[in-house]
Amino acid sequence: MSHSFSKIVITGGSGFLGSVISKQLLGKGYKVVSLDIAPPHNKEVDYISCNLAKDTINPEWFDGVFAVINLAGAPIFGKWTKEKKQQIYNSRVIGTKKLVETLQNTDVANFVSASAVGIYGDRGEELLSESSELGDGQKSFLTKVSKDWEDEALKLQNKMNVNIIRNGHILGKKGLVGVLRPYYQWGIGGPLGNGKQWFPWIHIDDCAQMYVNAALEEGDTKQAVTNAVVGKPITNKTFSKVFAKVLRRPHIFFIPKFALKLLYGEFANEMMYSQKITGNTKISFIYKDISDAMNNILIGK
């Protein structure tokens, strides 16, 4: 640890990804503070209760802090009502706007802000990278959220290093896998629609490592955007087959779009979007193969 400051603040630090990032940072000897509406499970993580979009953010919380990792955001999963969409938007965009205004008056060196590959919209067979054109925010709600979220984060680039990480589907015990697992265990899991849509994914341990690396970066990077996606692109059908195989369950059903619509409303459309993104080659991932990743998550191999 060569920084004079050894404290890292994580907004949304008590959540699915934030908990794994916290553990990795603690393992490296850093002091971690979770700024969240819920306390962290890990007692070694300090806690400040804060709803970024609504509460006053105190600049003193960032005294002696080397980096801020910004993950705060209401869960995407669930039925999208007007209220739910507003919550998804405000928690990310308004929350980041207020955080950025506060950080302008601090000595923080690095700001790492989450985004999502949803920013590209539904792209079919087109091969995408960080330099690809972004999607249309009028056609896709998640594209609009991600664009506005990134725009707020980038307002800090004249003050400190800003890294934006566009998350693919983060695979771990919770999140997407947690939502789908019961269906596969009941033997009724299957691809969404025809399953031909591309499915950009990353194991949670590798995703957390990307955030840790970006937060601890020294020197002048100013601004970088990275897709948190691994390996050769796979389809939703491939992901689904592996899921069933690892659990030793049948794989004969598919989940029709109308069923998803009943469960998730407008979110069902975006669940079917296709983003063919090649994995980041600059990073040495632990889990490059979907079978290895799912074996680790589902049966601890």
C-alpha atoms as a PDB file:
ATOM      1  CA  MET A   1       0.000   0.000   0.000  1.00  0.00           C
ATOM      2  CA  SER A   2       1.875   3.051  -1.202  1.00  0.00           C
ATOM      3  CA  HIS A   3      -0.822   5.750  -0.943  1.00  0.00           C
ATOM      4  CA  SER A   4      -0.630   8.185   1.951  1.00  0.00           C
ATOM      5  CA  PHE A   5      -4.415   7.676   2.230  1.00  0.00           C
ATOM      6  CA  SER A   6      -5.510   4.118   2.859  1.00  0.00           C
ATOM      7  CA  LYS A   7      -9.264   4.663   3.075  1.00  0.00           C
ATOM      8  CA  ILE A   8     -11.758   3.806   0.317  1.00  0.00           C
ATOM      9  CA  VAL A   9     -15.428   4.822   0.341  1.00  0.00           C
ATOM     10  CA  ILE A  10     -17.947   2.641  -1.540  1.00  0.00           C
ATOM     11  CA  THR A  11     -21.430   3.976  -2.202  1.00  0.00           C
ATOM     12  CA  GLY A  12     -23.801   1.021  -2.280  1.00  0.00           C
ATOM     13  CA  GLY A  13     -20.990  -0.827  -0.520  1.00  0.00           C
ATOM     14  CA  SER A  14     -23.333  -3.151   1.385  1.00  0.00           C
ATOM     15  CA  GLY A  15     -24.807  -4.686  -1.785  1.00  0.00           C
ATOM     16  CA  PHE A  16     -24.068  -7.700  -4.009  1.00  0.00           C
ATOM     17  CA  LEU A  17     -20.973  -6.278  -5.752  1.00  0.00           C
ATOM     18  CA  GLY A  18     -19.946  -3.816  -3.026  1.00  0.00           C
ATOM     19  CA  SER A  19     -19.586  -6.607  -0.444  1.00  0.00           C
ATOM     20  CA  VAL A  20     -17.105  -8.511  -2.644  1.00  0.00           C
ATOM     21  CA  ILE A  21     -15.116  -5.344  -3.462  1.00  0.00           C
ATOM     22  CA  SER A  22     -14.992  -4.527   0.283  1.00  0.00           C
ATOM     23  CA  LYS A  23     -13.626  -7.988   1.079  1.00  0.00           C
ATOM     24  CA  GLN A  24     -10.899  -7.683  -1.579  1.00  0.00           C
ATOM     25  CA  LEU A  25      -9.868  -4.216  -0.332  1.00  0.00           C
ATOM     26  CA  LEU A  26      -9.800  -5.334   3.315  1.00  0.00           C
ATOM     27  CA  GLY A  27      -7.570  -8.215   2.222  1.00  0.00           C
ATOM     28  CA  LYS A  28      -5.115  -5.658   0.841  1.00  0.00           C
ATOM     29  CA  GLY A  29      -5.076  -3.739   4.123  1.00  0.00           C
ATOM     30  CA  TYR A  30      -7.339  -0.845   3.187  1.00  0.00           C
ATOM     31  CA  LYS A  31      -9.931   0.711   5.435  1.00  0.00           C
ATOM     32  CA  VAL A  32     -13.358   0.510   3.780  1.00  0.00           C
ATOM     33  CA  VAL A  33     -16.419   2.677   4.419  1.00  0.00           C
ATOM     34  CA  SER A  34     -19.830   1.705   3.015  1.00  0.00           C
ATOM     35  CA  LEU A  35     -22.142   4.627   2.266  1.00  0.00           C
ATOM     36  CA  ASP A  36     -25.470   2.870   1.867  1.00  0.00           C
ATOM     37  CA  ILE A  37     -29.095   2.720   2.990  1.00  0.00           C
ATOM     38  CA  ALA A  38     -28.392  -0.690   4.576  1.00  0.00           C
ATOM     39  CA  PRO A  39     -25.487  -1.659   6.864  1.00  0.00           C
ATOM     40  CA  PRO A  40     -22.803  -4.047   5.532  1.00  0.00           C
ATOM     41  CA  HIS A  41     -22.783  -7.692   6.658  1.00  0.00           C
ATOM     42  CA  ASN A  42     -19.021  -7.509   7.163  1.00  0.00           C
ATOM     43  CA  LYS A  43     -18.317  -5.974  10.589  1.00  0.00           C
ATOM     44  CA  GLU A  44     -14.850  -4.866   9.443  1.00  0.00           C
ATOM     45  CA  VAL A  45     -16.454  -2.381   7.048  1.00  0.00           C
ATOM     46  CA  ASP A  46     -17.288   1.028   8.539  1.00  0.00           C
ATOM     47  CA  TYR A  47     -20.794   2.290   7.810  1.00  0.00           C
ATOM     48  CA  ILE A  48     -22.430   5.619   7.096  1.00  0.00           C
ATOM     49  CA  SER A  49     -26.186   5.515   6.537  1.00  0.00           C
ATOM     50  CA  CYS A  50     -27.000   7.585   3.466  1.00  0.00           C
ATOM     51  CA  ASN A  51     -29.472   7.687   0.585  1.00  0.00           C
ATOM     52  CA  LEU A  52     -27.418   9.642  -1.962  1.00  0.00           C
ATOM     53  CA  ALA A  53     -30.439  10.807  -3.950  1.00  0.00           C
ATOM     54  CA  LYS A  54     -32.260  12.215  -0.900  1.00  0.00           C
ATOM     55  CA  ASP A  55     -29.895  12.864   2.009  1.00  0.00           C
ATOM     56  CA  THR A  56     -27.281  15.547   2.590  1.00  0.00           C
ATOM     57  CA  ILE A  57     -23.803  14.248   1.687  1.00  0.00           C
ATOM     58  CA  ASN A  58     -21.184  15.495   4.120  1.00  0.00           C
ATOM     59  CA  PRO A  59     -17.788  16.446   2.537  1.00  0.00           C
ATOM     60  CA  GLU A  60     -16.056  15.489   5.817  1.00  0.00           C
ATOM     61  CA  TRP A  61     -16.887  11.829   5.117  1.00  0.00           C
ATOM     62  CA  PHE A  62     -14.190  11.974   2.423  1.00  0.00           C
ATOM     63  CA  ASP A  63     -11.346  13.374   4.563  1.00  0.00           C
ATOM     64  CA  GLY A  64      -8.292  11.150   4.111  1.00  0.00           C
ATOM     65  CA  VAL A  65     -10.025   9.094   1.407  1.00  0.00           C
ATOM     66  CA  PHE A  66      -7.928   7.966  -1.583  1.00  0.00           C
ATOM     67  CA  ALA A  67     -10.720   6.661  -3.829  1.00  0.00           C
ATOM     68  CA  VAL A  68     -14.501   6.552  -4.078  1.00  0.00           C
ATOM     69  CA  ILE A  69     -16.243   3.619  -5.790  1.00  0.00           C
ATOM     70  CA  ASN A  70     -19.767   4.589  -6.805  1.00  0.00           C
ATOM     71  CA  LEU A  71     -22.146   1.603  -7.032  1.00  0.00           C
ATOM     72  CA  ALA A  72     -25.309   2.994  -5.415  1.00  0.00           C
ATOM     73  CA  GLY A  73     -28.507   2.183  -7.272  1.00  0.00           C
ATOM     74  CA  ALA A  74     -31.929   0.665  -6.622  1.00  0.00           C
ATOM     75  CA  PRO A  75     -32.261  -2.947  -7.862  1.00  0.00           C
ATOM     76  CA  ILE A  76     -33.151  -3.318 -11.562  1.00  0.00           C
ATOM     77  CA  PHE A  77     -34.911  -6.670 -11.054  1.00  0.00           C
ATOM     78  CA  GLY A  78     -38.642  -6.694 -10.445  1.00  0.00           C
ATOM     79  CA  LYS A  79     -41.705  -5.432 -12.272  1.00  0.00           C
ATOM     80  CA  TRP A  80     -41.073  -2.010 -13.793  1.00  0.00           C
ATOM     81  CA  THR A  81     -43.786   0.377 -12.698  1.00  0.00           C
ATOM     82  CA  LYS A  82     -43.550   4.136 -13.172  1.00  0.00           C
ATOM     83  CA  GLU A  83     -42.416   4.445  -9.527  1.00  0.00           C
ATOM     84  CA  LYS A  84     -39.831   1.652  -9.849  1.00  0.00           C
ATOM     85  CA  LYS A  85     -38.314   3.264 -12.968  1.00  0.00           C
ATOM     86  CA  GLN A  86     -38.124   6.630 -11.199  1.00  0.00           C
ATOM     87  CA  GLN A  87     -36.350   4.943  -8.283  1.00  0.00           C
ATOM     88  CA  ILE A  88     -33.869   3.199 -10.637  1.00  0.00           C
ATOM     89  CA  TYR A  89     -33.135   6.528 -12.338  1.00  0.00           C
ATOM     90  CA  ASN A  90     -32.938   8.808  -9.287  1.00  0.00           C
ATOM     91  CA  SER A  91     -30.823   6.436  -7.201  1.00  0.00           C
ATOM     92  CA  ARG A  92     -28.172   6.381  -9.943  1.00  0.00           C
ATOM     93  CA  VAL A  93     -28.344   9.724 -11.719  1.00  0.00           C
ATOM     94  CA  ILE A  94     -29.502  12.151  -9.002  1.00  0.00           C
ATOM     95  CA  GLY A  95     -27.418  10.268  -6.418  1.00  0.00           C
ATOM     96  CA  THR A  96     -24.271  10.516  -8.569  1.00  0.00           C
ATOM     97  CA  LYS A  97     -24.953  14.190  -9.366  1.00  0.00           C
ATOM     98  CA  LYS A  98     -25.098  15.058  -5.640  1.00  0.00           C
ATOM     99  CA  LEU A  99     -22.046  12.891  -4.862  1.00  0.00           C
ATOM    100  CA  VAL A 100     -20.017  14.550  -7.645  1.00  0.00           C
ATOM    101  CA  GLU A 101     -20.941  18.037  -6.391  1.00  0.00           C
ATOM    102  CA  THR A 102     -19.652  17.060  -2.924  1.00  0.00           C
ATOM    103  CA  LEU A 103     -16.435  15.441  -4.243  1.00  0.00           C
ATOM    104  CA  GLN A 104     -15.480  18.622  -6.129  1.00  0.00           C
ATOM    105  CA  ASN A 105     -14.400  20.051  -2.761  1.00  0.00           C
ATOM    106  CA  THR A 106     -12.323  17.110  -1.540  1.00  0.00           C
ATOM    107  CA  ASP A 107      -8.814  15.669  -2.019  1.00  0.00           C
ATOM    108  CA  VAL A 108     -10.027  12.311  -3.355  1.00  0.00           C
ATOM    109  CA  ALA A 109      -7.661  11.095  -6.129  1.00  0.00           C
ATOM    110  CA  ASN A 110      -9.750   8.423  -7.927  1.00  0.00           C
ATOM    111  CA  PHE A 111     -13.430   8.126  -8.727  1.00  0.00           C
ATOM    112  CA  VAL A 112     -14.669   4.781 -10.074  1.00  0.00           C
ATOM    113  CA  SER A 113     -18.288   4.849 -11.170  1.00  0.00           C
ATOM    114  CA  ALA A 114     -20.470   1.939 -12.233  1.00  0.00           C
ATOM    115  CA  SER A 115     -22.419   1.917 -15.468  1.00  0.00           C
ATOM    116  CA  ALA A 116     -23.911  -0.912 -17.534  1.00  0.00           C
ATOM    117  CA  VAL A 117     -23.577  -2.482 -20.973  1.00  0.00           C
ATOM    118  CA  GLY A 118     -27.258  -1.565 -21.294  1.00  0.00           C
ATOM    119  CA  ILE A 119     -25.848   1.750 -22.544  1.00  0.00           C
ATOM    120  CA  TYR A 120     -25.417   0.124 -25.997  1.00  0.00           C
ATOM    121  CA  GLY A 121     -29.112  -0.823 -26.299  1.00  0.00           C
ATOM    122  CA  ASP A 122     -30.270  -3.791 -28.379  1.00  0.00           C
ATOM    123  CA  ARG A 123     -27.562  -4.392 -31.006  1.00  0.00           C
ATOM    124  CA  GLY A 124     -28.267  -7.844 -32.451  1.00  0.00           C
ATOM    125  CA  GLU A 125     -25.166  -9.332 -34.096  1.00  0.00           C
ATOM    126  CA  GLU A 126     -23.019  -6.171 -34.072  1.00  0.00           C
ATOM    127  CA  LEU A 127     -19.662  -6.657 -32.302  1.00  0.00           C
ATOM    128  CA  LEU A 128     -19.322  -3.979 -29.621  1.00  0.00           C
ATOM    129  CA  SER A 129     -16.411  -2.385 -27.753  1.00  0.00           C
ATOM    130  CA  GLU A 130     -15.913   0.641 -25.503  1.00  0.00           C
ATOM    131  CA  SER A 131     -15.610   2.875 -28.569  1.00  0.00           C
ATOM    132  CA  SER A 132     -18.891   1.691 -30.150  1.00  0.00           C
ATOM    133  CA  GLU A 133     -21.705   4.149 -30.677  1.00  0.00           C
ATOM    134  CA  LEU A 134     -24.109   4.227 -27.735  1.00  0.00           C
ATOM    135  CA  GLY A 135     -27.746   3.145 -27.929  1.00  0.00           C
ATOM    136  CA  ASP A 136     -30.838   5.303 -28.225  1.00  0.00           C
ATOM    137  CA  GLY A 137     -32.097   6.509 -24.847  1.00  0.00           C
ATOM    138  CA  GLN A 138     -35.580   6.994 -26.251  1.00  0.00           C
ATOM    139  CA  LYS A 139     -35.850   3.322 -27.195  1.00  0.00           C
ATOM    140  CA  SER A 140     -34.223   1.876 -24.078  1.00  0.00           C
ATOM    141  CA  PHE A 141     -34.744   3.066 -20.520  1.00  0.00           C
ATOM    142  CA  LEU A 142     -31.478   1.456 -19.339  1.00  0.00           C
ATOM    143  CA  THR A 143     -29.591   3.223 -22.140  1.00  0.00           C
ATOM    144  CA  LYS A 144     -30.963   6.564 -20.937  1.00  0.00           C
ATOM    145  CA  VAL A 145     -30.160   5.775 -17.294  1.00  0.00           C
ATOM    146  CA  SER A 146     -26.595   4.670 -18.134  1.00  0.00           C
ATOM    147  CA  LYS A 147     -25.876   7.686 -20.351  1.00  0.00           C
ATOM    148  CA  ASP A 148     -27.101  10.197 -17.768  1.00  0.00           C
ATOM    149  CA  TRP A 149     -25.282   8.286 -14.996  1.00  0.00           C
ATOM    150  CA  GLU A 150     -21.980   8.436 -16.908  1.00  0.00           C
ATOM    151  CA  ASP A 151     -22.477  12.116 -17.798  1.00  0.00           C
ATOM    152  CA  GLU A 152     -22.746  13.016 -14.113  1.00  0.00           C
ATOM    153  CA  ALA A 153     -19.649  10.966 -13.207  1.00  0.00           C
ATOM    154  CA  LEU A 154     -17.594  12.577 -15.977  1.00  0.00           C
ATOM    155  CA  LYS A 155     -18.114  16.043 -14.467  1.00  0.00           C
ATOM    156  CA  LEU A 156     -15.298  15.099 -12.060  1.00  0.00           C
ATOM    157  CA  GLN A 157     -12.705  14.474 -14.769  1.00  0.00           C
ATOM    158  CA  ASN A 158     -11.078  17.922 -14.390  1.00  0.00           C
ATOM    159  CA  LYS A 159     -10.681  17.343 -10.663  1.00  0.00           C
ATOM    160  CA  MET A 160      -9.516  13.685 -10.366  1.00  0.00           C
ATOM    161  CA  ASN A 161      -9.054  10.416 -12.242  1.00  0.00           C
ATOM    162  CA  VAL A 162     -12.411   9.029 -13.373  1.00  0.00           C
ATOM    163  CA  ASN A 163     -12.894   5.388 -14.359  1.00  0.00           C
ATOM    164  CA  ILE A 164     -16.265   4.203 -15.628  1.00  0.00           C
ATOM    165  CA  ILE A 165     -16.929   0.464 -15.588  1.00  0.00           C
ATOM    166  CA  ARG A 166     -19.822  -0.786 -17.718  1.00  0.00           C
ATOM    167  CA  ASN A 167     -21.016  -3.956 -16.006  1.00  0.00           C
ATOM    168  CA  GLY A 168     -22.159  -6.952 -18.012  1.00  0.00           C
ATOM    169  CA  HIS A 169     -24.351  -9.560 -16.283  1.00  0.00           C
ATOM    170  CA  ILE A 170     -22.552 -10.060 -12.971  1.00  0.00           C
ATOM    171  CA  LEU A 171     -22.705 -13.727 -12.014  1.00  0.00           C
ATOM    172  CA  GLY A 172     -22.589 -14.656  -8.347  1.00  0.00           C
ATOM    173  CA  LYS A 173     -24.800 -16.373  -5.779  1.00  0.00           C
ATOM    174  CA  LYS A 174     -27.225 -13.439  -5.738  1.00  0.00           C
ATOM    175  CA  GLY A 175     -28.235 -11.114  -8.580  1.00  0.00           C
ATOM    176  CA  LEU A 176     -29.351 -12.745 -11.822  1.00  0.00           C
ATOM    177  CA  VAL A 177     -28.258 -16.264 -10.818  1.00  0.00           C
ATOM    178  CA  GLY A 178     -30.099 -15.938  -7.504  1.00  0.00           C
ATOM    179  CA  VAL A 179     -33.295 -14.908  -9.305  1.00  0.00           C
ATOM    180  CA  LEU A 180     -33.076 -17.724 -11.880  1.00  0.00           C
ATOM    181  CA  ARG A 181     -31.767 -20.564  -9.729  1.00  0.00           C
ATOM    182  CA  PRO A 182     -35.141 -21.762  -8.318  1.00  0.00           C
ATOM    183  CA  TYR A 183     -36.541 -22.183 -11.847  1.00  0.00           C
ATOM    184  CA  TYR A 184     -33.565 -24.307 -12.901  1.00  0.00           C
ATOM    185  CA  GLN A 185     -33.775 -26.368  -9.705  1.00  0.00           C
ATOM    186  CA  TRP A 186     -37.442 -27.062 -10.450  1.00  0.00           C
ATOM    187  CA  GLY A 187     -36.393 -28.241 -13.914  1.00  0.00           C
ATOM    188  CA  ILE A 188     -38.180 -25.411 -15.746  1.00  0.00           C
ATOM    189  CA  GLY A 189     -35.250 -23.082 -16.407  1.00  0.00           C
ATOM    190  CA  GLY A 190     -34.522 -22.203 -20.004  1.00  0.00           C
ATOM    191  CA  PRO A 191     -33.423 -19.517 -22.428  1.00  0.00           C
ATOM    192  CA  LEU A 192     -35.316 -16.241 -22.698  1.00  0.00           C
ATOM    193  CA  GLY A 193     -37.272 -16.275 -25.954  1.00  0.00           C
ATOM    194  CA  ASN A 194     -35.280 -18.088 -28.661  1.00  0.00           C
ATOM    195  CA  GLY A 195     -32.065 -17.607 -26.646  1.00  0.00           C
ATOM    196  CA  LYS A 196     -30.133 -16.295 -29.641  1.00  0.00           C
ATOM    197  CA  GLN A 197     -29.462 -12.914 -28.048  1.00  0.00           C
ATOM    198  CA  TRP A 198     -25.863 -12.333 -26.937  1.00  0.00           C
ATOM    199  CA  PHE A 199     -25.215 -12.453 -23.214  1.00  0.00           C
ATOM    200  CA  PRO A 200     -22.236 -10.413 -21.914  1.00  0.00           C
ATOM    201  CA  TRP A 201     -21.178 -11.799 -18.533  1.00  0.00           C
ATOM    202  CA  ILE A 202     -18.530 -11.613 -15.796  1.00  0.00           C
ATOM    203  CA  HIS A 203     -17.961 -13.555 -12.550  1.00  0.00           C
ATOM    204  CA  ILE A 204     -18.441 -11.318  -9.511  1.00  0.00           C
ATOM    205  CA  ASP A 205     -14.870 -11.952  -8.234  1.00  0.00           C
ATOM    206  CA  ASP A 206     -13.402 -10.748 -11.546  1.00  0.00           C
ATOM    207  CA  CYS A 207     -15.757  -7.779 -11.677  1.00  0.00           C
ATOM    208  CA  ALA A 208     -14.794  -6.764  -8.130  1.00  0.00           C
ATOM    209  CA  GLN A 209     -11.108  -7.054  -9.071  1.00  0.00           C
ATOM    210  CA  MET A 210     -11.638  -4.585 -11.941  1.00  0.00           C
ATOM    211  CA  TYR A 211     -13.090  -2.024  -9.521  1.00  0.00           C
ATOM    212  CA  VAL A 212     -10.291  -2.589  -7.007  1.00  0.00           C
ATOM    213  CA  ASN A 213      -7.604  -2.147  -9.701  1.00  0.00           C
ATOM    214  CA  ALA A 214      -9.233   1.061 -10.953  1.00  0.00           C
ATOM    215  CA  ALA A 215      -9.641   2.464  -7.424  1.00  0.00           C
ATOM    216  CA  LEU A 216      -5.996   1.822  -6.492  1.00  0.00           C
ATOM    217  CA  GLU A 217      -4.515   3.091  -9.761  1.00  0.00           C
ATOM    218  CA  GLU A 218      -1.838   5.693  -9.196  1.00  0.00           C
ATOM    219  CA  GLY A 219      -0.852   8.463 -11.558  1.00  0.00           C
ATOM    220  CA  ASP A 220      -2.867  10.321 -14.113  1.00  0.00           C
ATOM    221  CA  THR A 221      -5.459   8.284 -16.008  1.00  0.00           C
ATOM    222  CA  LYS A 222      -8.000  11.152 -16.091  1.00  0.00           C
ATOM    223  CA  GLN A 223     -10.763   9.228 -17.826  1.00  0.00           C
ATOM    224  CA  ALA A 224     -11.195   5.626 -18.939  1.00  0.00           C
ATOM    225  CA  VAL A 225     -14.243   3.538 -19.831  1.00  0.00           C
ATOM    226  CA  THR A 226     -14.087  -0.260 -19.568  1.00  0.00           C
ATOM    227  CA  ASN A 227     -16.598  -3.017 -20.288  1.00  0.00           C
ATOM    228  CA  ALA A 228     -16.707  -5.526 -17.431  1.00  0.00           C
ATOM    229  CA  VAL A 229     -17.200  -8.524 -19.714  1.00  0.00           C
ATOM    230  CA  VAL A 230     -15.243 -11.772 -20.044  1.00  0.00           C
ATOM    231  CA  GLY A 231     -14.156 -14.126 -22.774  1.00  0.00           C
ATOM    232  CA  LYS A 232     -15.648 -15.047 -26.104  1.00  0.00           C
ATOM    233  CA  PRO A 233     -19.245 -13.833 -26.509  1.00  0.00           C
ATOM    234  CA  ILE A 234     -21.902 -16.425 -25.618  1.00  0.00           C
ATOM    235  CA  THR A 235     -25.641 -16.486 -26.242  1.00  0.00           C
ATOM    236  CA  ASN A 236     -28.373 -16.589 -23.635  1.00  0.00           C
ATOM    237  CA  LYS A 237     -29.076 -20.179 -24.769  1.00  0.00           C
ATOM    238  CA  THR A 238     -25.471 -21.243 -24.021  1.00  0.00           C
ATOM    239  CA  PHE A 239     -25.659 -19.627 -20.571  1.00  0.00           C
ATOM    240  CA  SER A 240     -28.969 -21.400 -19.903  1.00  0.00           C
ATOM    241  CA  LYS A 241     -27.649 -24.812 -21.028  1.00  0.00           C
ATOM    242  CA  VAL A 242     -24.624 -24.528 -18.745  1.00  0.00           C
ATOM    243  CA  PHE A 243     -26.843 -23.426 -15.832  1.00  0.00           C
ATOM    244  CA  ALA A 244     -29.042 -26.544 -16.212  1.00  0.00           C
ATOM    245  CA  LYS A 245     -26.081 -28.873 -16.799  1.00  0.00           C
ATOM    246  CA  VAL A 246     -24.206 -27.785 -13.675  1.00  0.00           C
ATOM    247  CA  LEU A 247     -27.353 -28.338 -11.571  1.00  0.00           C
ATOM    248  CA  ARG A 248     -28.002 -31.640 -13.426  1.00  0.00           C
ATOM    249  CA  ARG A 249     -31.484 -30.544 -14.395  1.00  0.00           C
ATOM    250  CA  PRO A 250     -33.343 -30.924 -17.707  1.00  0.00           C
ATOM    251  CA  HIS A 251     -33.092 -28.152 -20.293  1.00  0.00           C
ATOM    252  CA  ILE A 252     -36.205 -28.527 -22.413  1.00  0.00           C
ATOM    253  CA  PHE A 253     -38.213 -25.375 -21.808  1.00  0.00           C
ATOM    254  CA  PHE A 254     -37.779 -21.837 -23.038  1.00  0.00           C
ATOM    255  CA  ILE A 255     -39.296 -18.805 -21.330  1.00  0.00           C
ATOM    256  CA  PRO A 256     -41.603 -16.989 -23.764  1.00  0.00           C
ATOM    257  CA  LYS A 257     -41.598 -13.199 -23.890  1.00  0.00           C
ATOM    258  CA  PHE A 258     -45.282 -12.932 -22.875  1.00  0.00           C
ATOM    259  CA  ALA A 259     -44.496 -14.757 -19.607  1.00  0.00           C
ATOM    260  CA  LEU A 260     -41.644 -12.350 -18.886  1.00  0.00           C
ATOM    261  CA  LYS A 261     -43.961  -9.424 -19.670  1.00  0.00           C
ATOM    262  CA  LEU A 262     -46.431 -10.661 -17.049  1.00  0.00           C
ATOM    263  CA  LEU A 263     -43.663 -10.892 -14.449  1.00  0.00           C
ATOM    264  CA  TYR A 264     -41.549  -7.857 -15.291  1.00  0.00           C
ATOM    265  CA  GLY A 265     -43.591  -5.487 -17.461  1.00  0.00           C
ATOM    266  CA  GLU A 266     -41.443  -3.244 -19.672  1.00  0.00           C
ATOM    267  CA  PHE A 267     -38.264  -4.738 -18.181  1.00  0.00           C
ATOM    268  CA  ALA A 268     -39.039  -7.923 -20.176  1.00  0.00           C
ATOM    269  CA  ASN A 269     -38.118  -6.121 -23.425  1.00  0.00           C
ATOM    270  CA  GLU A 270     -34.706  -5.099 -22.112  1.00  0.00           C
ATOM    271  CA  MET A 271     -34.030  -8.589 -20.728  1.00  0.00           C
ATOM    272  CA  MET A 272     -34.161  -9.844 -24.331  1.00  0.00           C
ATOM    273  CA  TYR A 273     -31.640  -7.291 -25.642  1.00  0.00           C
ATOM    274  CA  SER A 274     -28.555  -8.595 -27.430  1.00  0.00           C
ATOM    275  CA  GLN A 275     -25.095  -7.149 -26.782  1.00  0.00           C
ATOM    276  CA  LYS A 276     -22.215  -8.973 -28.422  1.00  0.00           C
ATOM    277  CA  ILE A 277     -19.184  -7.679 -26.557  1.00  0.00           C
ATOM    278  CA  THR A 278     -15.718  -9.198 -26.691  1.00  0.00           C
ATOM    279  CA  GLY A 279     -14.011  -9.716 -23.364  1.00  0.00           C
ATOM    280  CA  ASN A 280     -11.406  -7.329 -22.060  1.00  0.00           C
ATOM    281  CA  THR A 281      -7.993  -8.783 -22.939  1.00  0.00           C
ATOM    282  CA  LYS A 282      -5.929  -6.427 -20.750  1.00  0.00           C
ATOM    283  CA  ILE A 283      -7.139  -8.121 -17.588  1.00  0.00           C
ATOM    284  CA  SER A 284      -6.219 -11.587 -16.341  1.00  0.00           C
ATOM    285  CA  PHE A 285      -9.577 -12.994 -15.301  1.00  0.00           C
ATOM    286  CA  ILE A 286      -9.912 -16.013 -13.003  1.00  0.00           C
ATOM    287  CA  TYR A 287     -13.117 -17.209 -14.707  1.00  0.00           C
ATOM    288  CA  LYS A 288     -12.833 -16.991 -18.488  1.00  0.00           C
ATOM    289  CA  ASP A 289     -15.124 -19.908 -19.251  1.00  0.00           C
ATOM    290  CA  ILE A 290     -18.861 -19.892 -18.432  1.00  0.00           C
ATOM    291  CA  SER A 291     -18.757 -23.549 -17.241  1.00  0.00           C
ATOM    292  CA  ASP A 292     -15.965 -22.779 -14.752  1.00  0.00           C
ATOM    293  CA  ALA A 293     -17.830 -19.691 -13.524  1.00  0.00           C
ATOM    294  CA  MET A 294     -21.143 -21.496 -13.030  1.00  0.00           C
ATOM    295  CA  ASN A 295     -19.501 -24.526 -11.380  1.00  0.00           C
ATOM    296  CA  ASN A 296     -17.866 -22.174  -8.901  1.00  0.00           C
ATOM    297  CA  ILE A 297     -21.058 -20.242  -8.161  1.00  0.00           C
ATOM    298  CA  LEU A 298     -23.561 -23.092  -8.043  1.00  0.00           C
ATOM    299  CA  ILE A 299     -21.575 -25.947  -6.488  1.00  0.00           C
ATOM    300  CA  GLY A 300     -18.474 -24.242  -5.132  1.00  0.00           C
ATOM    301  CA  LYS A 301     -16.005 -25.975  -7.450  1.00  0.00           C
END
